[in-house]
Amino acid sequence: MSQKLYSIISSVLSTPISEINDDSSPETIDSWDSFNGLILVDELETAFNVKFTIAEITNVKTVADIKQHLKNHGVDLNA
């Protein structure tokens, strides 16, 4: 688990970090709406120095999807 990733998600979505896991999604986190999703994308791009494509952004359904896209951009989530 990337503590940095989970901390960003927790902060943006105002959700306790203990409630975030790979299966977390807009269906399981009430504050994960389209607006906060865009804020989350911006925060992740800034924190990890990546730029997601529209296809990647619209493909995200869970935290596991975010992790996969970050890995595809060369981000080591174990660092």
C-alpha atoms as a PDB file:
ATOM      1  CA  MET A   1       0.000   0.000   0.000  1.00  0.00           C
ATOM      2  CA  SER A   2       1.193   3.480  -0.748  1.00  0.00           C
ATOM      3  CA  GLN A   3       0.713   5.600   2.335  1.00  0.00           C
ATOM      4  CA  LYS A   4       1.090   8.704   0.166  1.00  0.00           C
ATOM      5  CA  LEU A   5      -1.688   7.593  -2.197  1.00  0.00           C
ATOM      6  CA  TYR A   6      -4.061   6.680   0.614  1.00  0.00           C
ATOM      7  CA  SER A   7      -3.318   9.961   2.415  1.00  0.00           C
ATOM      8  CA  ILE A   8      -4.228  11.963  -0.696  1.00  0.00           C
ATOM      9  CA  ILE A   9      -7.450  10.009  -1.193  1.00  0.00           C
ATOM     10  CA  SER A  10      -8.315  10.412   2.488  1.00  0.00           C
ATOM     11  CA  SER A  11      -7.686  14.149   2.384  1.00  0.00           C
ATOM     12  CA  VAL A  12      -9.564  14.879  -0.849  1.00  0.00           C
ATOM     13  CA  LEU A  13     -12.544  12.702  -0.004  1.00  0.00           C
ATOM     14  CA  SER A  14     -12.624  13.561   3.730  1.00  0.00           C
ATOM     15  CA  THR A  15     -12.625   9.859   4.557  1.00  0.00           C
ATOM     16  CA  PRO A  16     -10.619   8.143   7.312  1.00  0.00           C
ATOM     17  CA  ILE A  17      -7.572   6.444   5.835  1.00  0.00           C
ATOM     18  CA  SER A  18      -8.563   3.269   7.690  1.00  0.00           C
ATOM     19  CA  GLU A  19     -11.666   3.030   5.500  1.00  0.00           C
ATOM     20  CA  ILE A  20      -9.732   3.124   2.214  1.00  0.00           C
ATOM     21  CA  ASN A  21      -8.657  -0.061   0.428  1.00  0.00           C
ATOM     22  CA  ASP A  22      -8.210  -1.343  -3.121  1.00  0.00           C
ATOM     23  CA  ASP A  23     -11.951  -1.952  -3.453  1.00  0.00           C
ATOM     24  CA  SER A  24     -12.911   1.572  -2.383  1.00  0.00           C
ATOM     25  CA  SER A  25     -14.963   3.317  -5.057  1.00  0.00           C
ATOM     26  CA  PRO A  26     -17.602   6.002  -5.583  1.00  0.00           C
ATOM     27  CA  GLU A  27     -20.109   3.345  -4.512  1.00  0.00           C
ATOM     28  CA  THR A  28     -18.402   2.838  -1.124  1.00  0.00           C
ATOM     29  CA  ILE A  29     -17.274   6.403  -0.368  1.00  0.00           C
ATOM     30  CA  ASP A  30     -20.174   8.871  -0.309  1.00  0.00           C
ATOM     31  CA  SER A  31     -17.998  11.933  -0.930  1.00  0.00           C
ATOM     32  CA  TRP A  32     -16.434  10.409  -4.086  1.00  0.00           C
ATOM     33  CA  ASP A  33     -18.594  12.266  -6.589  1.00  0.00           C
ATOM     34  CA  SER A  34     -17.644  13.635  -9.996  1.00  0.00           C
ATOM     35  CA  PHE A  35     -16.388  16.939  -8.595  1.00  0.00           C
ATOM     36  CA  ASN A  36     -14.202  15.355  -5.920  1.00  0.00           C
ATOM     37  CA  GLY A  37     -13.053  12.830  -8.499  1.00  0.00           C
ATOM     38  CA  LEU A  38     -11.625  15.666 -10.590  1.00  0.00           C
ATOM     39  CA  ILE A  39      -9.964  17.197  -7.545  1.00  0.00           C
ATOM     40  CA  LEU A  40      -8.492  13.781  -6.749  1.00  0.00           C
ATOM     41  CA  VAL A  41      -7.094  13.483 -10.281  1.00  0.00           C
ATOM     42  CA  ASP A  42      -5.470  16.919  -9.980  1.00  0.00           C
ATOM     43  CA  GLU A  43      -3.967  16.117  -6.581  1.00  0.00           C
ATOM     44  CA  LEU A  44      -2.617  12.756  -7.793  1.00  0.00           C
ATOM     45  CA  GLU A  45      -1.112  14.283 -10.938  1.00  0.00           C
ATOM     46  CA  THR A  46       0.630  16.927  -8.843  1.00  0.00           C
ATOM     47  CA  ALA A  47       1.821  14.587  -6.084  1.00  0.00           C
ATOM     48  CA  PHE A  48       3.151  11.890  -8.410  1.00  0.00           C
ATOM     49  CA  ASN A  49       4.207  14.171 -11.298  1.00  0.00           C
ATOM     50  CA  VAL A  50       2.092  12.358 -13.890  1.00  0.00           C
ATOM     51  CA  LYS A  51      -0.543  13.357 -16.435  1.00  0.00           C
ATOM     52  CA  PHE A  52      -3.523  11.044 -16.863  1.00  0.00           C
ATOM     53  CA  THR A  53      -5.339  10.728 -20.168  1.00  0.00           C
ATOM     54  CA  ILE A  54      -9.095  11.237 -20.393  1.00  0.00           C
ATOM     55  CA  ALA A  55      -9.425   7.493 -21.021  1.00  0.00           C
ATOM     56  CA  GLU A  56      -7.519   6.716 -17.825  1.00  0.00           C
ATOM     57  CA  ILE A  57      -9.610   9.144 -15.804  1.00  0.00           C
ATOM     58  CA  THR A  58     -12.910   7.765 -17.057  1.00  0.00           C
ATOM     59  CA  ASN A  59     -11.682   4.183 -16.591  1.00  0.00           C
ATOM     60  CA  VAL A  60     -11.177   4.529 -12.820  1.00  0.00           C
ATOM     61  CA  LYS A  61     -13.766   2.587 -10.855  1.00  0.00           C
ATOM     62  CA  THR A  62     -11.751   1.700  -7.718  1.00  0.00           C
ATOM     63  CA  VAL A  63      -8.585   2.597  -5.829  1.00  0.00           C
ATOM     64  CA  ALA A  64      -6.983  -0.473  -7.445  1.00  0.00           C
ATOM     65  CA  ASP A  65      -7.575   1.187 -10.838  1.00  0.00           C
ATOM     66  CA  ILE A  66      -5.786   4.319  -9.629  1.00  0.00           C
ATOM     67  CA  LYS A  67      -2.847   2.200  -8.484  1.00  0.00           C
ATOM     68  CA  GLN A  68      -2.664   0.463 -11.869  1.00  0.00           C
ATOM     69  CA  HIS A  69      -2.659   3.755 -13.782  1.00  0.00           C
ATOM     70  CA  LEU A  70       0.046   5.159 -11.508  1.00  0.00           C
ATOM     71  CA  LYS A  71       2.152   2.026 -12.048  1.00  0.00           C
ATOM     72  CA  ASN A  72       1.639   2.391 -15.816  1.00  0.00           C
ATOM     73  CA  HIS A  73       3.160   5.858 -15.480  1.00  0.00           C
ATOM     74  CA  GLY A  74       6.210   4.436 -13.710  1.00  0.00           C
ATOM     75  CA  VAL A  75       5.205   5.344 -10.167  1.00  0.00           C
ATOM     76  CA  ASP A  76       6.591   2.941  -7.541  1.00  0.00           C
ATOM     77  CA  LEU A  77       3.872   2.708  -4.905  1.00  0.00           C
ATOM     78  CA  ASN A  78       6.135   0.689  -2.608  1.00  0.00           C
ATOM     79  CA  ALA A  79       8.671   3.478  -2.273  1.00  0.00           C
END
